[in-house]
Amino acid sequence: MKRDINELVGKIRDLEAELEEKLIERRRDLQYKWANNRAVFSREVKARQRKLKISARRFFATSGFLEIITSPFIYAVTLPLIALDFFASLFQLVCFPVYGIRQVKRRDYVVFDRHRLAYLNVLQKINCTYCAYANGVLAYVQEIASRTEQYWCPIKHAARIKGAHARYAAFLEYGETKSYPDSLEAQRKTLKAEPDEH
């Protein structure tokens, strides 16, 4: 059973690699190249993008009233996100060296680049920056939490959970007691042996 699960996890990883290749092909179709660690469009493509841009005034005017009045609630979450970002970073800075775990690179998760798209107006760029930060911080914190869980408690739940992190599939089955001590040590060794991603 464990072998079957490991084979399925392997197939999932192979499919993820195949998907990444397809996404690279798609990026080529969108006519941008990488230079100095950022996507760069040709002048012609930028000119086409600018033609699609709607003014901030028109964007605001065509937004629904309910959408506008919800914006303070959206942006109020910024302060808790900043606190979460800070404390998660502090947590891994203090704890991960003690556990022998590689630290999560924040820059791999919190990425700001949508503001360079010529077809977005200033309001859309602000919204995209907020979403990039919010989702980036949550993904960053999830990776920190998943490494912590693998180190301390690599056991699956009895109930199926939604949105499980990538490490979860290799965790010990719920109630599988006979291999628990060895499995816990194996999980820790695997975690400590993970190569640096860059």
N, C-alpha and C. Protein backbone atom coordinates (compact mmCIF):
# COMPACT_ATOMS: atom_id res chain seq x y z
N MET A 1 0.82 -1.19 0.00
CA MET A 1 0.00 0.00 0.00
C MET A 1 0.87 1.26 0.00
N LYS A 2 1.90 1.28 0.87
CA LYS A 2 2.80 2.43 0.96
C LYS A 2 3.50 2.65 -0.38
N ARG A 3 3.91 1.51 -1.04
CA ARG A 3 4.57 1.60 -2.34
C ARG A 3 3.64 2.21 -3.38
N ASP A 4 2.36 1.81 -3.36
CA ASP A 4 1.38 2.35 -4.30
C ASP A 4 1.22 3.86 -4.11
N ILE A 5 1.17 4.28 -2.87
CA ILE A 5 1.04 5.70 -2.58
C ILE A 5 2.26 6.45 -3.07
N ASN A 6 3.45 5.91 -2.81
CA ASN A 6 4.68 6.56 -3.26
C ASN A 6 4.74 6.64 -4.78
N GLU A 7 4.25 5.60 -5.47
CA GLU A 7 4.21 5.62 -6.93
C GLU A 7 3.27 6.71 -7.43
N LEU A 8 2.10 6.85 -6.78
CA LEU A 8 1.16 7.90 -7.16
C LEU A 8 1.76 9.29 -6.93
N VAL A 9 2.44 9.47 -5.81
CA VAL A 9 3.10 10.75 -5.54
C VAL A 9 4.14 11.03 -6.61
N GLY A 10 4.89 10.02 -7.01
CA GLY A 10 5.87 10.17 -8.08
C GLY A 10 5.22 10.59 -9.40
N LYS A 11 4.08 9.97 -9.71
CA LYS A 11 3.36 10.32 -10.94
C LYS A 11 2.86 11.76 -10.89
N ILE A 12 2.40 12.18 -9.71
CA ILE A 12 1.93 13.57 -9.55
C ILE A 12 3.09 14.53 -9.80
N ARG A 13 4.25 14.22 -9.25
CA ARG A 13 5.42 15.09 -9.45
C ARG A 13 5.83 15.13 -10.92
N ASP A 14 5.74 13.98 -11.61
CA ASP A 14 6.05 13.95 -13.04
C ASP A 14 5.08 14.82 -13.81
N LEU A 15 3.78 14.74 -13.45
CA LEU A 15 2.77 15.57 -14.11
C LEU A 15 3.00 17.05 -13.83
N GLU A 16 3.43 17.39 -12.62
CA GLU A 16 3.73 18.78 -12.29
C GLU A 16 4.89 19.29 -13.15
N ALA A 17 5.90 18.44 -13.36
CA ALA A 17 7.04 18.82 -14.21
C ALA A 17 6.59 19.02 -15.66
N GLU A 18 5.72 18.13 -16.13
CA GLU A 18 5.17 18.25 -17.49
C GLU A 18 4.35 19.53 -17.63
N LEU A 19 3.56 19.84 -16.60
CA LEU A 19 2.77 21.08 -16.61
C LEU A 19 3.69 22.29 -16.68
N GLU A 20 4.77 22.28 -15.93
CA GLU A 20 5.73 23.40 -15.95
C GLU A 20 6.30 23.59 -17.34
N GLU A 21 6.60 22.49 -18.04
CA GLU A 21 7.10 22.58 -19.42
C GLU A 21 6.07 23.23 -20.33
N LYS A 22 4.81 22.85 -20.16
CA LYS A 22 3.73 23.44 -20.98
C LYS A 22 3.58 24.92 -20.68
N LEU A 23 3.74 25.30 -19.42
CA LEU A 23 3.64 26.71 -19.04
C LEU A 23 4.79 27.51 -19.64
N ILE A 24 5.96 26.91 -19.72
CA ILE A 24 7.10 27.58 -20.35
C ILE A 24 6.81 27.82 -21.83
N GLU A 25 6.23 26.81 -22.49
CA GLU A 25 5.84 26.97 -23.90
C GLU A 25 4.82 28.10 -24.05
N ARG A 26 3.87 28.15 -23.12
CA ARG A 26 2.83 29.19 -23.16
C ARG A 26 3.45 30.58 -23.00
N ARG A 27 4.45 30.69 -22.14
CA ARG A 27 5.13 31.97 -21.95
C ARG A 27 5.80 32.42 -23.24
N ARG A 28 6.38 31.46 -23.97
CA ARG A 28 6.98 31.80 -25.26
C ARG A 28 5.93 32.35 -26.21
N ASP A 29 4.75 31.75 -26.19
CA ASP A 29 3.66 32.22 -27.04
C ASP A 29 3.25 33.64 -26.69
N LEU A 30 3.39 34.02 -25.42
CA LEU A 30 3.01 35.36 -24.98
C LEU A 30 4.11 36.39 -25.24
N GLN A 31 5.18 35.96 -25.83
CA GLN A 31 6.25 36.82 -26.34
C GLN A 31 6.96 37.64 -25.28
N TYR A 32 7.36 36.99 -24.22
CA TYR A 32 8.28 37.68 -23.31
C TYR A 32 9.46 36.78 -23.01
N LYS A 33 10.55 37.42 -22.66
CA LYS A 33 11.77 36.69 -22.33
C LYS A 33 12.24 37.14 -20.96
N TRP A 34 13.12 36.37 -20.37
CA TRP A 34 13.67 36.69 -19.05
C TRP A 34 14.97 37.46 -19.22
N ALA A 35 15.08 38.58 -18.50
CA ALA A 35 16.31 39.37 -18.46
C ALA A 35 16.42 39.98 -17.07
N ASN A 36 17.55 39.81 -16.44
CA ASN A 36 17.76 40.33 -15.07
C ASN A 36 16.67 39.86 -14.11
N ASN A 37 16.32 38.58 -14.20
CA ASN A 37 15.32 37.95 -13.31
C ASN A 37 13.93 38.56 -13.41
N ARG A 38 13.58 39.05 -14.58
CA ARG A 38 12.22 39.54 -14.77
C ARG A 38 11.78 39.37 -16.21
N ALA A 39 10.46 39.31 -16.38
CA ALA A 39 9.90 39.14 -17.72
C ALA A 39 9.96 40.48 -18.47
N VAL A 40 10.40 40.42 -19.72
CA VAL A 40 10.52 41.63 -20.53
C VAL A 40 9.78 41.40 -21.84
N PHE A 41 8.86 42.33 -22.13
CA PHE A 41 8.10 42.29 -23.37
C PHE A 41 8.78 43.19 -24.40
N SER A 42 8.58 42.87 -25.66
CA SER A 42 9.09 43.74 -26.73
C SER A 42 8.27 45.02 -26.76
N ARG A 43 8.78 46.03 -27.47
CA ARG A 43 8.05 47.31 -27.58
C ARG A 43 6.70 47.11 -28.25
N GLU A 44 6.67 46.25 -29.25
CA GLU A 44 5.41 46.01 -29.97
C GLU A 44 4.36 45.41 -29.04
N VAL A 45 4.77 44.44 -28.24
CA VAL A 45 3.83 43.80 -27.31
C VAL A 45 3.36 44.80 -26.27
N LYS A 46 4.27 45.61 -25.75
CA LYS A 46 3.88 46.64 -24.78
C LYS A 46 2.89 47.62 -25.38
N ALA A 47 3.10 47.99 -26.63
CA ALA A 47 2.18 48.91 -27.30
C ALA A 47 0.79 48.28 -27.42
N ARG A 48 0.73 46.99 -27.75
CA ARG A 48 -0.57 46.31 -27.83
C ARG A 48 -1.23 46.25 -26.45
N GLN A 49 -0.42 46.02 -25.42
CA GLN A 49 -0.96 45.97 -24.06
C GLN A 49 -1.54 47.33 -23.64
N ARG A 50 -0.83 48.41 -23.97
CA ARG A 50 -1.31 49.75 -23.58
C ARG A 50 -2.67 50.07 -24.21
N LYS A 51 -2.92 49.54 -25.41
CA LYS A 51 -4.20 49.78 -26.07
C LYS A 51 -5.36 49.14 -25.32
N LEU A 52 -5.08 48.11 -24.53
CA LEU A 52 -6.11 47.42 -23.75
C LEU A 52 -6.39 48.08 -22.40
N LYS A 53 -5.56 48.99 -22.01
CA LYS A 53 -5.65 49.62 -20.69
C LYS A 53 -6.87 50.54 -20.61
N ILE A 54 -7.63 50.39 -19.52
CA ILE A 54 -8.73 51.32 -19.28
C ILE A 54 -8.30 52.27 -18.17
N SER A 55 -8.78 53.48 -18.20
CA SER A 55 -8.35 54.47 -17.22
C SER A 55 -8.81 54.07 -15.82
N ALA A 56 -8.10 54.57 -14.82
CA ALA A 56 -8.47 54.31 -13.43
C ALA A 56 -9.86 54.88 -13.15
N ARG A 57 -10.16 56.03 -13.71
CA ARG A 57 -11.48 56.66 -13.51
C ARG A 57 -12.59 55.76 -14.06
N ARG A 58 -12.40 55.24 -15.27
CA ARG A 58 -13.41 54.36 -15.87
C ARG A 58 -13.53 53.05 -15.08
N PHE A 59 -12.39 52.51 -14.67
CA PHE A 59 -12.39 51.29 -13.87
C PHE A 59 -13.19 51.49 -12.59
N PHE A 60 -12.95 52.60 -11.91
CA PHE A 60 -13.66 52.91 -10.67
C PHE A 60 -15.15 53.11 -10.94
N ALA A 61 -15.45 53.83 -12.02
CA ALA A 61 -16.85 54.14 -12.35
C ALA A 61 -17.64 52.89 -12.73
N THR A 62 -16.97 51.93 -13.34
CA THR A 62 -17.69 50.71 -13.77
C THR A 62 -17.71 49.62 -12.69
N SER A 63 -17.00 49.86 -11.60
CA SER A 63 -17.04 48.90 -10.49
C SER A 63 -18.38 49.03 -9.79
N GLY A 64 -18.90 47.94 -9.31
CA GLY A 64 -20.18 47.96 -8.62
C GLY A 64 -20.06 48.62 -7.25
N PHE A 65 -21.14 49.19 -6.79
CA PHE A 65 -21.17 49.88 -5.50
C PHE A 65 -20.75 48.94 -4.37
N LEU A 66 -21.28 47.70 -4.40
CA LEU A 66 -20.94 46.75 -3.35
C LEU A 66 -19.46 46.37 -3.39
N GLU A 67 -18.89 46.29 -4.60
CA GLU A 67 -17.46 46.02 -4.71
C GLU A 67 -16.65 47.13 -4.07
N ILE A 68 -17.06 48.36 -4.29
CA ILE A 68 -16.33 49.51 -3.74
C ILE A 68 -16.40 49.53 -2.22
N ILE A 69 -17.59 49.27 -1.66
CA ILE A 69 -17.69 49.36 -0.20
C ILE A 69 -17.05 48.17 0.52
N THR A 70 -16.74 47.10 -0.21
CA THR A 70 -16.04 45.99 0.44
C THR A 70 -14.53 46.20 0.48
N SER A 71 -14.01 47.14 -0.30
CA SER A 71 -12.56 47.31 -0.37
C SER A 71 -11.90 47.61 0.98
N PRO A 72 -12.50 48.40 1.88
CA PRO A 72 -11.84 48.58 3.19
C PRO A 72 -11.68 47.26 3.96
N PHE A 73 -12.62 46.34 3.78
CA PHE A 73 -12.53 45.04 4.47
C PHE A 73 -11.38 44.21 3.88
N ILE A 74 -11.21 44.32 2.57
CA ILE A 74 -10.12 43.59 1.92
C ILE A 74 -8.78 44.12 2.43
N TYR A 75 -8.61 45.44 2.36
CA TYR A 75 -7.32 46.03 2.71
C TYR A 75 -7.05 46.04 4.21
N ALA A 76 -8.09 45.86 5.03
CA ALA A 76 -7.88 45.77 6.49
C ALA A 76 -7.09 44.52 6.86
N VAL A 77 -7.11 43.52 5.99
CA VAL A 77 -6.39 42.28 6.25
C VAL A 77 -4.87 42.47 6.09
N THR A 78 -4.46 43.60 5.52
CA THR A 78 -3.04 43.87 5.31
C THR A 78 -2.25 43.80 6.61
N LEU A 79 -2.76 44.41 7.68
CA LEU A 79 -2.02 44.42 8.95
C LEU A 79 -1.83 43.01 9.53
N PRO A 80 -2.87 42.18 9.60
CA PRO A 80 -2.63 40.81 10.06
C PRO A 80 -1.67 40.04 9.16
N LEU A 81 -1.71 40.30 7.85
CA LEU A 81 -0.78 39.62 6.93
C LEU A 81 0.66 40.03 7.20
N ILE A 82 0.87 41.32 7.46
CA ILE A 82 2.22 41.80 7.78
C ILE A 82 2.71 41.14 9.08
N ALA A 83 1.82 41.06 10.07
CA ALA A 83 2.19 40.43 11.34
C ALA A 83 2.51 38.94 11.13
N LEU A 84 1.69 38.25 10.35
CA LEU A 84 1.92 36.84 10.05
C LEU A 84 3.25 36.65 9.34
N ASP A 85 3.51 37.48 8.36
CA ASP A 85 4.76 37.45 7.60
C ASP A 85 5.95 37.61 8.56
N PHE A 86 5.88 38.61 9.42
CA PHE A 86 6.97 38.89 10.36
C PHE A 86 7.20 37.73 11.33
N PHE A 87 6.12 37.26 11.96
CA PHE A 87 6.28 36.22 12.98
C PHE A 87 6.66 34.86 12.38
N ALA A 88 6.16 34.55 11.19
CA ALA A 88 6.57 33.30 10.54
C ALA A 88 8.05 33.36 10.17
N SER A 89 8.50 34.51 9.68
CA SER A 89 9.91 34.67 9.35
C SER A 89 10.78 34.56 10.59
N LEU A 90 10.34 35.18 11.68
CA LEU A 90 11.07 35.11 12.94
C LEU A 90 11.10 33.67 13.47
N PHE A 91 9.96 32.99 13.38
CA PHE A 91 9.86 31.59 13.82
C PHE A 91 10.90 30.72 13.12
N GLN A 92 10.93 30.78 11.80
CA GLN A 92 11.86 29.90 11.09
C GLN A 92 13.30 30.34 11.31
N LEU A 93 13.54 31.64 11.47
CA LEU A 93 14.89 32.13 11.73
C LEU A 93 15.43 31.57 13.05
N VAL A 94 14.58 31.49 14.06
CA VAL A 94 14.98 31.00 15.37
C VAL A 94 14.98 29.47 15.43
N CYS A 95 13.92 28.84 14.93
CA CYS A 95 13.71 27.40 15.14
C CYS A 95 14.37 26.50 14.11
N PHE A 96 14.33 26.84 12.84
CA PHE A 96 14.81 25.92 11.81
C PHE A 96 16.28 25.57 11.96
N PRO A 97 17.16 26.51 12.32
CA PRO A 97 18.56 26.09 12.52
C PRO A 97 18.70 25.07 13.66
N VAL A 98 17.86 25.19 14.68
CA VAL A 98 17.89 24.23 15.79
C VAL A 98 17.47 22.85 15.31
N TYR A 99 16.46 22.80 14.43
CA TYR A 99 15.96 21.52 13.93
C TYR A 99 16.81 20.96 12.78
N GLY A 100 17.69 21.80 12.24
CA GLY A 100 18.49 21.37 11.09
C GLY A 100 17.72 21.41 9.79
N ILE A 101 16.68 22.25 9.74
CA ILE A 101 15.83 22.37 8.56
C ILE A 101 16.27 23.59 7.74
N ARG A 102 16.26 23.43 6.45
CA ARG A 102 16.55 24.52 5.53
C ARG A 102 15.45 25.58 5.64
N GLN A 103 15.82 26.85 5.67
CA GLN A 103 14.82 27.90 5.77
C GLN A 103 14.12 28.10 4.43
N VAL A 104 12.86 28.50 4.50
CA VAL A 104 12.06 28.78 3.31
C VAL A 104 12.48 30.15 2.77
N LYS A 105 12.70 30.22 1.49
CA LYS A 105 13.08 31.50 0.87
C LYS A 105 11.81 32.28 0.54
N ARG A 106 11.62 33.36 1.25
CA ARG A 106 10.43 34.18 1.10
C ARG A 106 10.27 34.68 -0.34
N ARG A 107 11.38 35.02 -0.97
CA ARG A 107 11.33 35.58 -2.33
C ARG A 107 10.77 34.60 -3.36
N ASP A 108 10.76 33.29 -3.02
CA ASP A 108 10.19 32.30 -3.93
C ASP A 108 8.66 32.30 -3.87
N TYR A 109 8.10 32.94 -2.86
CA TYR A 109 6.65 32.91 -2.65
C TYR A 109 6.02 34.29 -2.77
N VAL A 110 6.69 35.30 -2.27
CA VAL A 110 6.16 36.67 -2.31
C VAL A 110 6.83 37.37 -3.50
N VAL A 111 6.08 37.44 -4.60
CA VAL A 111 6.63 37.95 -5.86
C VAL A 111 5.79 39.14 -6.33
N PHE A 112 6.47 40.23 -6.63
CA PHE A 112 5.80 41.42 -7.16
C PHE A 112 6.30 41.67 -8.57
N ASP A 113 5.42 41.44 -9.55
CA ASP A 113 5.81 41.72 -10.93
C ASP A 113 4.64 42.18 -11.80
N ARG A 114 3.43 42.03 -11.32
CA ARG A 114 2.28 42.38 -12.15
C ARG A 114 2.18 43.87 -12.41
N HIS A 115 2.79 44.69 -11.55
CA HIS A 115 2.74 46.14 -11.74
C HIS A 115 3.47 46.57 -13.02
N ARG A 116 4.24 45.67 -13.62
CA ARG A 116 4.95 45.99 -14.86
C ARG A 116 4.08 45.77 -16.11
N LEU A 117 2.90 45.22 -15.94
CA LEU A 117 2.04 44.95 -17.09
C LEU A 117 1.41 46.25 -17.58
N ALA A 118 1.64 46.56 -18.84
CA ALA A 118 1.22 47.84 -19.41
C ALA A 118 -0.29 47.97 -19.55
N TYR A 119 -1.03 46.88 -19.52
CA TYR A 119 -2.48 46.97 -19.70
C TYR A 119 -3.24 47.18 -18.40
N LEU A 120 -2.54 47.29 -17.28
CA LEU A 120 -3.20 47.55 -16.00
C LEU A 120 -3.09 49.03 -15.63
N ASN A 121 -4.19 49.58 -15.09
CA ASN A 121 -4.14 50.96 -14.61
C ASN A 121 -3.65 50.97 -13.16
N VAL A 122 -3.52 52.14 -12.58
CA VAL A 122 -2.94 52.25 -11.25
C VAL A 122 -3.76 51.51 -10.19
N LEU A 123 -5.08 51.57 -10.27
CA LEU A 123 -5.92 50.85 -9.29
C LEU A 123 -5.76 49.34 -9.43
N GLN A 124 -5.73 48.87 -10.66
CA GLN A 124 -5.53 47.44 -10.88
C GLN A 124 -4.15 46.99 -10.39
N LYS A 125 -3.14 47.83 -10.58
CA LYS A 125 -1.80 47.50 -10.11
C LYS A 125 -1.75 47.43 -8.58
N ILE A 126 -2.45 48.33 -7.91
CA ILE A 126 -2.52 48.29 -6.45
C ILE A 126 -3.21 47.00 -6.01
N ASN A 127 -4.32 46.68 -6.64
CA ASN A 127 -5.03 45.44 -6.31
C ASN A 127 -4.15 44.21 -6.54
N CYS A 128 -3.44 44.19 -7.66
CA CYS A 128 -2.57 43.05 -7.97
C CYS A 128 -1.42 42.95 -6.97
N THR A 129 -0.91 44.07 -6.52
CA THR A 129 0.17 44.06 -5.53
C THR A 129 -0.34 43.49 -4.21
N TYR A 130 -1.55 43.90 -3.82
CA TYR A 130 -2.15 43.37 -2.59
C TYR A 130 -2.33 41.85 -2.71
N CYS A 131 -2.91 41.40 -3.80
CA CYS A 131 -3.16 39.96 -3.98
C CYS A 131 -1.86 39.16 -4.03
N ALA A 132 -0.85 39.72 -4.69
CA ALA A 132 0.46 39.04 -4.75
C ALA A 132 1.03 38.90 -3.34
N TYR A 133 0.91 39.95 -2.54
CA TYR A 133 1.44 39.89 -1.18
C TYR A 133 0.64 38.91 -0.33
N ALA A 134 -0.69 39.02 -0.36
CA ALA A 134 -1.54 38.17 0.48
C ALA A 134 -1.35 36.69 0.15
N ASN A 135 -1.46 36.33 -1.11
CA ASN A 135 -1.32 34.93 -1.49
C ASN A 135 0.11 34.44 -1.35
N GLY A 136 1.08 35.31 -1.62
CA GLY A 136 2.48 34.95 -1.44
C GLY A 136 2.81 34.66 0.01
N VAL A 137 2.35 35.52 0.92
CA VAL A 137 2.60 35.30 2.35
C VAL A 137 1.94 34.02 2.82
N LEU A 138 0.71 33.78 2.39
CA LEU A 138 0.02 32.56 2.81
C LEU A 138 0.73 31.30 2.30
N ALA A 139 1.22 31.33 1.06
CA ALA A 139 1.96 30.18 0.52
C ALA A 139 3.30 30.01 1.25
N TYR A 140 3.96 31.11 1.55
CA TYR A 140 5.22 31.10 2.29
C TYR A 140 5.03 30.51 3.68
N VAL A 141 4.00 30.96 4.36
CA VAL A 141 3.72 30.47 5.71
C VAL A 141 3.30 29.00 5.66
N GLN A 142 2.53 28.60 4.64
CA GLN A 142 2.15 27.19 4.52
C GLN A 142 3.39 26.31 4.37
N GLU A 143 4.37 26.77 3.60
CA GLU A 143 5.59 25.97 3.43
C GLU A 143 6.36 25.88 4.75
N ILE A 144 6.43 26.97 5.50
CA ILE A 144 7.08 26.94 6.81
C ILE A 144 6.34 25.95 7.72
N ALA A 145 5.02 26.05 7.71
CA ALA A 145 4.20 25.16 8.56
C ALA A 145 4.33 23.71 8.12
N SER A 146 4.42 23.45 6.82
CA SER A 146 4.52 22.06 6.35
C SER A 146 5.85 21.43 6.75
N ARG A 147 6.91 22.22 6.73
CA ARG A 147 8.21 21.71 7.17
C ARG A 147 8.18 21.44 8.68
N THR A 148 7.52 22.33 9.41
CA THR A 148 7.40 22.15 10.85
C THR A 148 6.58 20.89 11.16
N GLU A 149 5.48 20.71 10.42
CA GLU A 149 4.63 19.53 10.61
C GLU A 149 5.39 18.25 10.27
N GLN A 150 6.16 18.28 9.20
CA GLN A 150 6.93 17.09 8.84
C GLN A 150 7.96 16.75 9.92
N TYR A 151 8.51 17.75 10.55
CA TYR A 151 9.50 17.52 11.60
C TYR A 151 8.86 17.00 12.88
N TRP A 152 7.74 17.57 13.30
CA TRP A 152 7.15 17.25 14.59
C TRP A 152 6.01 16.24 14.55
N CYS A 153 5.21 16.27 13.50
CA CYS A 153 4.00 15.42 13.51
C CYS A 153 3.61 14.99 12.10
N PRO A 154 4.42 14.18 11.43
CA PRO A 154 4.10 13.77 10.06
C PRO A 154 3.08 12.64 10.01
N ILE A 155 1.90 12.91 10.52
CA ILE A 155 0.81 11.92 10.55
C ILE A 155 -0.40 12.52 9.83
N LYS A 156 -0.99 11.73 8.94
CA LYS A 156 -2.19 12.19 8.25
C LYS A 156 -3.38 12.25 9.20
N HIS A 157 -4.37 13.02 8.85
CA HIS A 157 -5.63 13.06 9.61
C HIS A 157 -6.49 11.87 9.20
N ALA A 158 -7.43 11.52 10.07
CA ALA A 158 -8.36 10.43 9.74
C ALA A 158 -9.28 10.87 8.60
N ALA A 159 -9.74 12.11 8.67
CA ALA A 159 -10.63 12.64 7.63
C ALA A 159 -9.79 13.21 6.49
N ARG A 160 -10.34 13.16 5.30
CA ARG A 160 -9.67 13.74 4.14
C ARG A 160 -9.72 15.25 4.28
N ILE A 161 -8.57 15.91 4.07
CA ILE A 161 -8.55 17.37 4.19
C ILE A 161 -8.35 18.01 2.82
N LYS A 162 -8.89 19.19 2.66
CA LYS A 162 -8.73 19.94 1.41
C LYS A 162 -7.49 20.82 1.52
N GLY A 163 -6.82 21.01 0.40
CA GLY A 163 -5.69 21.92 0.35
C GLY A 163 -4.45 21.43 1.07
N ALA A 164 -4.28 20.12 1.15
CA ALA A 164 -3.10 19.58 1.83
C ALA A 164 -1.84 19.99 1.08
N HIS A 165 -0.78 20.28 1.82
CA HIS A 165 0.49 20.67 1.22
C HIS A 165 1.16 19.47 0.55
N ALA A 166 2.17 19.73 -0.22
CA ALA A 166 2.83 18.70 -1.03
C ALA A 166 3.49 17.61 -0.18
N ARG A 167 3.90 17.92 1.03
CA ARG A 167 4.58 16.93 1.88
C ARG A 167 3.60 15.92 2.50
N TYR A 168 2.35 16.29 2.56
CA TYR A 168 1.33 15.53 3.31
C TYR A 168 1.20 14.08 2.81
N ALA A 169 1.30 13.87 1.51
CA ALA A 169 1.09 12.53 0.94
C ALA A 169 2.07 11.50 1.49
N ALA A 170 3.26 11.93 1.88
CA ALA A 170 4.27 11.00 2.39
C ALA A 170 4.18 10.78 3.90
N PHE A 171 3.25 11.45 4.55
CA PHE A 171 3.11 11.31 6.00
C PHE A 171 2.60 9.91 6.37
N LEU A 172 2.82 9.54 7.61
CA LEU A 172 2.37 8.27 8.15
C LEU A 172 0.84 8.24 8.19
N GLU A 173 0.26 7.10 7.91
CA GLU A 173 -1.19 6.97 7.95
C GLU A 173 -1.71 7.12 9.38
N TYR A 174 -2.89 7.66 9.50
CA TYR A 174 -3.55 7.84 10.79
C TYR A 174 -3.73 6.48 11.46
N GLY A 175 -3.26 6.36 12.70
CA GLY A 175 -3.41 5.12 13.45
C GLY A 175 -2.37 4.06 13.19
N GLU A 176 -1.42 4.31 12.30
CA GLU A 176 -0.38 3.34 11.97
C GLU A 176 0.71 3.42 13.05
N THR A 177 0.55 2.65 14.11
CA THR A 177 1.42 2.79 15.28
C THR A 177 2.71 1.99 15.20
N LYS A 178 2.71 0.87 14.51
CA LYS A 178 3.89 0.00 14.58
C LYS A 178 5.15 0.63 14.00
N SER A 179 5.01 1.53 13.02
CA SER A 179 6.21 2.13 12.43
C SER A 179 6.39 3.59 12.83
N TYR A 180 5.65 4.04 13.84
CA TYR A 180 5.69 5.47 14.17
C TYR A 180 7.08 5.99 14.54
N PRO A 181 7.78 5.41 15.51
CA PRO A 181 9.06 6.02 15.87
C PRO A 181 10.06 6.06 14.71
N ASP A 182 10.14 4.97 13.96
CA ASP A 182 11.07 4.92 12.83
C ASP A 182 10.63 5.87 11.72
N SER A 183 9.32 5.94 11.48
CA SER A 183 8.80 6.82 10.44
C SER A 183 9.06 8.28 10.78
N LEU A 184 8.87 8.65 12.04
CA LEU A 184 9.14 10.02 12.47
C LEU A 184 10.60 10.38 12.20
N GLU A 185 11.50 9.49 12.55
CA GLU A 185 12.93 9.75 12.34
C GLU A 185 13.25 9.81 10.85
N ALA A 186 12.61 8.95 10.06
CA ALA A 186 12.83 8.95 8.61
C ALA A 186 12.34 10.26 7.99
N GLN A 187 11.19 10.74 8.46
CA GLN A 187 10.65 12.01 7.96
C GLN A 187 11.62 13.16 8.26
N ARG A 188 12.17 13.15 9.45
CA ARG A 188 13.12 14.21 9.83
C ARG A 188 14.39 14.13 8.98
N LYS A 189 14.88 12.94 8.74
CA LYS A 189 16.09 12.78 7.91
C LYS A 189 15.83 13.26 6.49
N THR A 190 14.67 12.91 5.95
CA THR A 190 14.31 13.33 4.60
C THR A 190 14.25 14.85 4.52
N LEU A 191 13.64 15.46 5.51
CA LEU A 191 13.50 16.91 5.57
C LEU A 191 14.87 17.59 5.64
N LYS A 192 15.73 17.08 6.48
CA LYS A 192 17.06 17.68 6.65
C LYS A 192 17.93 17.49 5.40
N ALA A 193 17.68 16.44 4.64
CA ALA A 193 18.48 16.15 3.47
C ALA A 193 18.00 16.84 2.20
N GLU A 194 16.87 17.57 2.28
CA GLU A 194 16.36 18.24 1.08
C GLU A 194 17.38 19.23 0.54
N PRO A 195 17.62 19.18 -0.76
CA PRO A 195 18.58 20.13 -1.34
C PRO A 195 18.00 21.53 -1.40
N ASP A 196 18.88 22.50 -1.47
CA ASP A 196 18.45 23.88 -1.63
C ASP A 196 17.81 24.01 -3.01
N GLU A 197 16.71 24.75 -3.09
CA GLU A 197 15.96 24.83 -4.35
C GLU A 197 16.66 25.68 -5.41
N HIS A 198 17.56 26.56 -4.99
CA HIS A 198 18.23 27.43 -5.98
C HIS A 198 19.72 27.39 -5.78
